[in-house]
């Protein structure tokens, strides 16, 4: 997994590298515990996006829950 700041390079990195990416605004955290992850935001306006290259198309989704989820969802 690659940790990337929020900027236009995210899409190009994910499309050529074929690995998942995470774009995180300031004051957010991506927490991993065992085989699960969760997102913590100090301000609800902040954004976190998960990127993945699926068959040559970069997919972007924003996790909405702050509960732990399986890491397999993003790998």
PDB file of N, CA and C in Angstrom:
ATOM      1  N   UNK A   1       0.847  -1.175   0.000  1.00  0.00           N
ATOM      2  CA  UNK A   1       0.000   0.000   0.000  1.00  0.00           C
ATOM      3  C   UNK A   1       0.889   1.232   0.000  1.00  0.00           C
ATOM      4  N   UNK A   2       0.411   2.277  -0.649  1.00  0.00           N
ATOM      5  CA  UNK A   2       1.138   3.534  -0.728  1.00  0.00           C
ATOM      6  C   UNK A   2       0.321   4.613  -0.035  1.00  0.00           C
ATOM      7  N   UNK A   3       0.960   5.415   0.770  1.00  0.00           N
ATOM      8  CA  UNK A   3       0.308   6.550   1.417  1.00  0.00           C
ATOM      9  C   UNK A   3       0.662   7.796   0.625  1.00  0.00           C
ATOM     10  N   UNK A   4      -0.354   8.477   0.096  1.00  0.00           N
ATOM     11  CA  UNK A   4      -0.139   9.606  -0.794  1.00  0.00           C
ATOM     12  C   UNK A   4      -0.938  10.803  -0.303  1.00  0.00           C
ATOM     13  N   UNK A   5      -0.381  11.991  -0.387  1.00  0.00           N
ATOM     14  CA  UNK A   5      -1.136  13.193  -0.012  1.00  0.00           C
ATOM     15  C   UNK A   5      -2.189  13.489  -1.077  1.00  0.00           C
ATOM     16  N   UNK A   6      -3.154  14.322  -0.720  1.00  0.00           N
ATOM     17  CA  UNK A   6      -4.221  14.645  -1.670  1.00  0.00           C
ATOM     18  C   UNK A   6      -3.732  15.655  -2.700  1.00  0.00           C
ATOM     19  N   UNK A   7      -3.454  15.171  -3.899  1.00  0.00           N
ATOM     20  CA  UNK A   7      -3.084  16.027  -5.023  1.00  0.00           C
ATOM     21  C   UNK A   7      -3.305  15.264  -6.325  1.00  0.00           C
ATOM     22  N   UNK A   8      -3.222  15.919  -7.469  1.00  0.00           N
ATOM     23  CA  UNK A   8      -3.550  15.276  -8.747  1.00  0.00           C
ATOM     24  C   UNK A   8      -2.668  14.088  -9.115  1.00  0.00           C
ATOM     25  N   UNK A   9      -1.541  13.935  -8.479  1.00  0.00           N
ATOM     26  CA  UNK A   9      -0.651  12.827  -8.827  1.00  0.00           C
ATOM     27  C   UNK A   9      -1.209  11.470  -8.395  1.00  0.00           C
ATOM     28  N   UNK A  10      -2.174  11.474  -7.480  1.00  0.00           N
ATOM     29  CA  UNK A  10      -2.747  10.220  -6.967  1.00  0.00           C
ATOM     30  C   UNK A  10      -3.264   9.353  -8.101  1.00  0.00           C
ATOM     31  N   UNK A  11      -4.058   9.916  -8.976  1.00  0.00           N
ATOM     32  CA  UNK A  11      -4.654   9.137 -10.064  1.00  0.00           C
ATOM     33  C   UNK A  11      -3.588   8.515 -10.954  1.00  0.00           C
ATOM     34  N   UNK A  12      -2.574   9.275 -11.307  1.00  0.00           N
ATOM     35  CA  UNK A  12      -1.549   8.732 -12.188  1.00  0.00           C
ATOM     36  C   UNK A  12      -0.705   7.671 -11.487  1.00  0.00           C
ATOM     37  N   UNK A  13      -0.397   7.852 -10.222  1.00  0.00           N
ATOM     38  CA  UNK A  13       0.377   6.843  -9.492  1.00  0.00           C
ATOM     39  C   UNK A  13      -0.372   5.530  -9.394  1.00  0.00           C
ATOM     40  N   UNK A  14      -1.659   5.591  -9.076  1.00  0.00           N
ATOM     41  CA  UNK A  14      -2.447   4.365  -8.952  1.00  0.00           C
ATOM     42  C   UNK A  14      -2.605   3.679 -10.302  1.00  0.00           C
ATOM     43  N   UNK A  15      -2.748   4.442 -11.367  1.00  0.00           N
ATOM     44  CA  UNK A  15      -2.978   3.836 -12.678  1.00  0.00           C
ATOM     45  C   UNK A  15      -1.732   3.145 -13.222  1.00  0.00           C
ATOM     46  N   UNK A  16      -0.545   3.619 -12.896  1.00  0.00           N
ATOM     47  CA  UNK A  16       0.665   2.985 -13.420  1.00  0.00           C
ATOM     48  C   UNK A  16       1.266   1.971 -12.461  1.00  0.00           C
ATOM     49  N   UNK A  17       0.963   2.065 -11.185  1.00  0.00           N
ATOM     50  CA  UNK A  17       1.613   1.185 -10.221  1.00  0.00           C
ATOM     51  C   UNK A  17       0.788  -0.047  -9.884  1.00  0.00           C
ATOM     52  N   UNK A  18      -0.513  -0.035 -10.158  1.00  0.00           N
ATOM     53  CA  UNK A  18      -1.385  -1.174  -9.892  1.00  0.00           C
ATOM     54  C   UNK A  18      -1.425  -1.576  -8.417  1.00  0.00           C
ATOM     55  N   UNK A  19      -1.245  -0.620  -7.514  1.00  0.00           N
ATOM     56  CA  UNK A  19      -1.349  -0.893  -6.089  1.00  0.00           C
ATOM     57  C   UNK A  19      -2.334   0.091  -5.473  1.00  0.00           C
ATOM     58  N   UNK A  20      -2.974  -0.272  -4.360  1.00  0.00           N
ATOM     59  CA  UNK A  20      -3.918   0.640  -3.720  1.00  0.00           C
ATOM     60  C   UNK A  20      -3.220   1.894  -3.201  1.00  0.00           C
ATOM     61  N   UNK A  21      -3.966   2.983  -3.126  1.00  0.00           N
ATOM     62  CA  UNK A  21      -3.450   4.227  -2.586  1.00  0.00           C
ATOM     63  C   UNK A  21      -4.438   4.848  -1.627  1.00  0.00           C
ATOM     64  N   UNK A  22      -3.943   5.707  -0.759  1.00  0.00           N
ATOM     65  CA  UNK A  22      -4.777   6.398   0.220  1.00  0.00           C
ATOM     66  C   UNK A  22      -4.457   7.882   0.129  1.00  0.00           C
ATOM     67  N   UNK A  23      -5.489   8.704  -0.039  1.00  0.00           N
ATOM     68  CA  UNK A  23      -5.324  10.158  -0.031  1.00  0.00           C
ATOM     69  C   UNK A  23      -5.985  10.675   1.239  1.00  0.00           C
ATOM     70  N   UNK A  24      -5.229  11.408   2.042  1.00  0.00           N
ATOM     71  CA  UNK A  24      -5.708  11.823   3.366  1.00  0.00           C
ATOM     72  C   UNK A  24      -5.510  13.325   3.545  1.00  0.00           C
ATOM     73  N   UNK A  25      -6.599  14.027   3.901  1.00  0.00           N
ATOM     74  CA  UNK A  25      -6.494  15.442   4.258  1.00  0.00           C
ATOM     75  C   UNK A  25      -5.757  15.591   5.585  1.00  0.00           C
ATOM     76  N   UNK A  26      -5.384  16.825   5.905  1.00  0.00           N
ATOM     77  CA  UNK A  26      -4.789  17.114   7.209  1.00  0.00           C
ATOM     78  C   UNK A  26      -5.771  16.750   8.327  1.00  0.00           C
ATOM     79  N   UNK A  27      -5.230  16.448   9.479  1.00  0.00           N
ATOM     80  CA  UNK A  27      -6.015  16.140  10.676  1.00  0.00           C
ATOM     81  C   UNK A  27      -6.880  14.899  10.525  1.00  0.00           C
ATOM     82  N   UNK A  28      -6.402  13.937   9.745  1.00  0.00           N
ATOM     83  CA  UNK A  28      -7.049  12.639   9.606  1.00  0.00           C
ATOM     84  C   UNK A  28      -6.003  11.565   9.883  1.00  0.00           C
ATOM     85  N   UNK A  29      -6.489  10.389  10.268  1.00  0.00           N
ATOM     86  CA  UNK A  29      -5.573   9.272  10.520  1.00  0.00           C
ATOM     87  C   UNK A  29      -6.128   8.006   9.895  1.00  0.00           C
ATOM     88  N   UNK A  30      -5.225   7.172   9.379  1.00  0.00           N
ATOM     89  CA  UNK A  30      -5.551   5.850   8.861  1.00  0.00           C
ATOM     90  C   UNK A  30      -4.947   4.866   9.855  1.00  0.00           C
ATOM     91  N   UNK A  31      -5.792   4.173  10.623  1.00  0.00           N
ATOM     92  CA  UNK A  31      -5.342   3.325  11.717  1.00  0.00           C
ATOM     93  C   UNK A  31      -5.473   1.862  11.305  1.00  0.00           C
ATOM     94  N   UNK A  32      -4.397   1.090  11.495  1.00  0.00           N
ATOM     95  CA  UNK A  32      -4.419  -0.345  11.215  1.00  0.00           C
ATOM     96  C   UNK A  32      -4.226  -1.092  12.521  1.00  0.00           C
ATOM     97  N   UNK A  33      -5.126  -2.059  12.785  1.00  0.00           N
ATOM     98  CA  UNK A  33      -5.003  -2.926  13.952  1.00  0.00           C
ATOM     99  C   UNK A  33      -5.293  -4.352  13.495  1.00  0.00           C
ATOM    100  N   UNK A  34      -4.285  -5.197  13.641  1.00  0.00           N
ATOM    101  CA  UNK A  34      -4.353  -6.576  13.155  1.00  0.00           C
ATOM    102  C   UNK A  34      -4.643  -6.552  11.655  1.00  0.00           C
ATOM    103  N   UNK A  35      -5.749  -7.112  11.221  1.00  0.00           N
ATOM    104  CA  UNK A  35      -6.076  -7.149   9.798  1.00  0.00           C
ATOM    105  C   UNK A  35      -7.250  -6.231   9.459  1.00  0.00           C
ATOM    106  N   UNK A  36      -7.416  -5.168  10.263  1.00  0.00           N
ATOM    107  CA  UNK A  36      -8.518  -4.233  10.053  1.00  0.00           C
ATOM    108  C   UNK A  36      -7.986  -2.800  10.032  1.00  0.00           C
ATOM    109  N   UNK A  37      -8.789  -1.897   9.464  1.00  0.00           N
ATOM    110  CA  UNK A  37      -8.421  -0.485   9.424  1.00  0.00           C
ATOM    111  C   UNK A  37      -9.628   0.368   9.773  1.00  0.00           C
ATOM    112  N   UNK A  38      -9.359   1.604  10.149  1.00  0.00           N
ATOM    113  CA  UNK A  38     -10.420   2.592  10.331  1.00  0.00           C
ATOM    114  C   UNK A  38      -9.853   3.978  10.079  1.00  0.00           C
ATOM    115  N   UNK A  39     -10.753   4.923   9.846  1.00  0.00           N
ATOM    116  CA  UNK A  39     -10.396   6.307   9.570  1.00  0.00           C
ATOM    117  C   UNK A  39     -10.830   7.163  10.753  1.00  0.00           C
ATOM    118  N   UNK A  40      -9.950   8.052  11.200  1.00  0.00           N
ATOM    119  CA  UNK A  40     -10.297   9.008  12.255  1.00  0.00           C
ATOM    120  C   UNK A  40     -10.126  10.412  11.678  1.00  0.00           C
ATOM    121  N   UNK A  41     -11.169  11.232  11.833  1.00  0.00           N
ATOM    122  CA  UNK A  41     -11.125  12.621  11.350  1.00  0.00           C
ATOM    123  C   UNK A  41     -11.407  13.544  12.528  1.00  0.00           C
ATOM    124  N   UNK A  42     -10.588  14.586  12.682  1.00  0.00           N
ATOM    125  CA  UNK A  42     -10.859  15.559  13.737  1.00  0.00           C
ATOM    126  C   UNK A  42     -11.904  16.578  13.290  1.00  0.00           C
ATOM    127  N   UNK A  43     -12.122  16.670  11.987  1.00  0.00           N
ATOM    128  CA  UNK A  43     -13.123  17.574  11.430  1.00  0.00           C
ATOM    129  C   UNK A  43     -13.917  16.812  10.373  1.00  0.00           C
ATOM    130  N   UNK A  44     -15.233  16.740  10.499  1.00  0.00           N
ATOM    131  CA  UNK A  44     -16.039  15.973   9.539  1.00  0.00           C
ATOM    132  C   UNK A  44     -15.917  16.473   8.090  1.00  0.00           C
ATOM    133  N   UNK A  45     -15.470  17.705   7.893  1.00  0.00           N
ATOM    134  CA  UNK A  45     -15.296  18.247   6.543  1.00  0.00           C
ATOM    135  C   UNK A  45     -14.069  17.671   5.838  1.00  0.00           C
ATOM    136  N   UNK A  46     -13.119  17.120   6.594  1.00  0.00           N
ATOM    137  CA  UNK A  46     -11.918  16.542   5.999  1.00  0.00           C
ATOM    138  C   UNK A  46     -12.274  15.294   5.202  1.00  0.00           C
ATOM    139  N   UNK A  47     -11.450  14.989   4.219  1.00  0.00           N
ATOM    140  CA  UNK A  47     -11.711  13.876   3.314  1.00  0.00           C
ATOM    141  C   UNK A  47     -10.605  12.836   3.372  1.00  0.00           C
ATOM    142  N   UNK A  48     -11.004  11.588   3.183  1.00  0.00           N
ATOM    143  CA  UNK A  48     -10.092  10.470   3.004  1.00  0.00           C
ATOM    144  C   UNK A  48     -10.628   9.667   1.827  1.00  0.00           C
ATOM    145  N   UNK A  49      -9.752   9.333   0.889  1.00  0.00           N
ATOM    146  CA  UNK A  49     -10.161   8.553  -0.265  1.00  0.00           C
ATOM    147  C   UNK A  49      -9.261   7.332  -0.406  1.00  0.00           C
ATOM    148  N   UNK A  50      -9.856   6.225  -0.818  1.00  0.00           N
ATOM    149  CA  UNK A  50      -9.119   5.014  -1.139  1.00  0.00           C
ATOM    150  C   UNK A  50      -9.140   4.864  -2.651  1.00  0.00           C
ATOM    151  N   UNK A  51      -7.966   4.611  -3.250  1.00  0.00           N
ATOM    152  CA  UNK A  51      -7.842   4.465  -4.688  1.00  0.00           C
ATOM    153  C   UNK A  51      -7.363   3.068  -5.018  1.00  0.00           C
ATOM    154  N   UNK A  52      -7.854   2.529  -6.131  1.00  0.00           N
ATOM    155  CA  UNK A  52      -7.412   1.231  -6.597  1.00  0.00           C
ATOM    156  C   UNK A  52      -7.538   1.195  -8.110  1.00  0.00           C
ATOM    157  N   UNK A  53      -6.617   0.517  -8.761  1.00  0.00           N
ATOM    158  CA  UNK A  53      -6.666   0.368 -10.208  1.00  0.00           C
ATOM    159  C   UNK A  53      -7.339  -0.964 -10.521  1.00  0.00           C
ATOM    160  N   UNK A  54      -8.561  -0.892 -11.061  1.00  0.00           N
ATOM    161  CA  UNK A  54      -9.321  -2.090 -11.405  1.00  0.00           C
ATOM    162  C   UNK A  54      -9.415  -2.168 -12.923  1.00  0.00           C
ATOM    163  N   UNK A  55      -8.725  -3.145 -13.512  1.00  0.00           N
ATOM    164  CA  UNK A  55      -8.739  -3.343 -14.968  1.00  0.00           C
ATOM    165  C   UNK A  55      -8.449  -2.048 -15.742  1.00  0.00           C
ATOM    166  N   UNK A  56      -7.449  -1.304 -15.284  1.00  0.00           N
ATOM    167  CA  UNK A  56      -7.031  -0.094 -15.972  1.00  0.00           C
ATOM    168  C   UNK A  56      -7.837   1.152 -15.656  1.00  0.00           C
ATOM    169  N   UNK A  57      -8.821   1.030 -14.779  1.00  0.00           N
ATOM    170  CA  UNK A  57      -9.646   2.173 -14.393  1.00  0.00           C
ATOM    171  C   UNK A  57      -9.388   2.469 -12.921  1.00  0.00           C
ATOM    172  N   UNK A  58      -9.040   3.722 -12.616  1.00  0.00           N
ATOM    173  CA  UNK A  58      -8.790   4.100 -11.229  1.00  0.00           C
ATOM    174  C   UNK A  58     -10.117   4.314 -10.522  1.00  0.00           C
ATOM    175  N   UNK A  59     -10.351   3.505  -9.493  1.00  0.00           N
ATOM    176  CA  UNK A  59     -11.572   3.599  -8.694  1.00  0.00           C
ATOM    177  C   UNK A  59     -11.270   4.414  -7.445  1.00  0.00           C
ATOM    178  N   UNK A  60     -12.148   5.348  -7.118  1.00  0.00           N
ATOM    179  CA  UNK A  60     -11.971   6.199  -5.930  1.00  0.00           C
ATOM    180  C   UNK A  60     -13.209   6.062  -5.060  1.00  0.00           C
ATOM    181  N   UNK A  61     -13.007   5.747  -3.776  1.00  0.00           N
ATOM    182  CA  UNK A  61     -14.148   5.713  -2.870  1.00  0.00           C
ATOM    183  C   UNK A  61     -13.777   6.370  -1.549  1.00  0.00           C
ATOM    184  N   UNK A  62     -14.792   6.943  -0.924  1.00  0.00           N
ATOM    185  CA  UNK A  62     -14.595   7.620   0.354  1.00  0.00           C
ATOM    186  C   UNK A  62     -15.247   6.778   1.444  1.00  0.00           C
ATOM    187  N   UNK A  63     -14.451   6.225   2.377  1.00  0.00           N
ATOM    188  CA  UNK A  63     -15.047   5.458   3.474  1.00  0.00           C
ATOM    189  C   UNK A  63     -15.922   6.369   4.332  1.00  0.00           C
ATOM    190  N   UNK A  64     -17.108   5.912   4.695  1.00  0.00           N
ATOM    191  CA  UNK A  64     -18.022   6.752   5.459  1.00  0.00           C
ATOM    192  C   UNK A  64     -18.093   6.363   6.930  1.00  0.00           C
ATOM    193  N   UNK A  65     -17.726   5.155   7.255  1.00  0.00           N
ATOM    194  CA  UNK A  65     -17.803   4.698   8.642  1.00  0.00           C
ATOM    195  C   UNK A  65     -16.455   4.829   9.329  1.00  0.00           C
ATOM    196  N   UNK A  66     -16.470   5.147  10.615  1.00  0.00           N
ATOM    197  CA  UNK A  66     -15.216   5.193  11.378  1.00  0.00           C
ATOM    198  C   UNK A  66     -15.005   3.905  12.168  1.00  0.00           C
ATOM    199  N   UNK A  67     -15.799   2.865  11.871  1.00  0.00           N
ATOM    200  CA  UNK A  67     -15.630   1.562  12.518  1.00  0.00           C
ATOM    201  C   UNK A  67     -14.557   0.768  11.782  1.00  0.00           C
ATOM    202  N   UNK A  68     -13.942  -0.190  12.492  1.00  0.00           N
ATOM    203  CA  UNK A  68     -12.922  -1.030  11.871  1.00  0.00           C
ATOM    204  C   UNK A  68     -13.535  -1.878  10.772  1.00  0.00           C
ATOM    205  N   UNK A  69     -12.813  -1.951   9.633  1.00  0.00           N
ATOM    206  CA  UNK A  69     -13.225  -2.761   8.493  1.00  0.00           C
ATOM    207  C   UNK A  69     -12.045  -3.628   8.071  1.00  0.00           C
ATOM    208  N   UNK A  70     -12.300  -4.740   7.377  1.00  0.00           N
ATOM    209  CA  UNK A  70     -11.200  -5.603   6.943  1.00  0.00           C
ATOM    210  C   UNK A  70     -10.297  -4.913   5.920  1.00  0.00           C
ATOM    211  N   UNK A  71      -8.991  -5.093   6.077  1.00  0.00           N
ATOM    212  CA  UNK A  71      -8.041  -4.534   5.120  1.00  0.00           C
ATOM    213  C   UNK A  71      -8.237  -5.138   3.732  1.00  0.00           C
ATOM    214  N   UNK A  72      -8.808  -6.319   3.675  1.00  0.00           N
ATOM    215  CA  UNK A  72      -9.028  -6.960   2.370  1.00  0.00           C
ATOM    216  C   UNK A  72      -9.957  -6.137   1.483  1.00  0.00           C
ATOM    217  N   UNK A  73     -10.721  -5.212   2.054  1.00  0.00           N
ATOM    218  CA  UNK A  73     -11.588  -4.339   1.257  1.00  0.00           C
ATOM    219  C   UNK A  73     -10.798  -3.399   0.364  1.00  0.00           C
ATOM    220  N   UNK A  74      -9.552  -3.108   0.721  1.00  0.00           N
ATOM    221  CA  UNK A  74      -8.776  -2.167  -0.088  1.00  0.00           C
ATOM    222  C   UNK A  74      -7.579  -2.808  -0.771  1.00  0.00           C
ATOM    223  N   UNK A  75      -7.324  -4.080  -0.536  1.00  0.00           N
ATOM    224  CA  UNK A  75      -6.210  -4.764  -1.191  1.00  0.00           C
ATOM    225  C   UNK A  75      -6.700  -5.619  -2.325  1.00  0.00           C
TER     226      UNK A  75
END
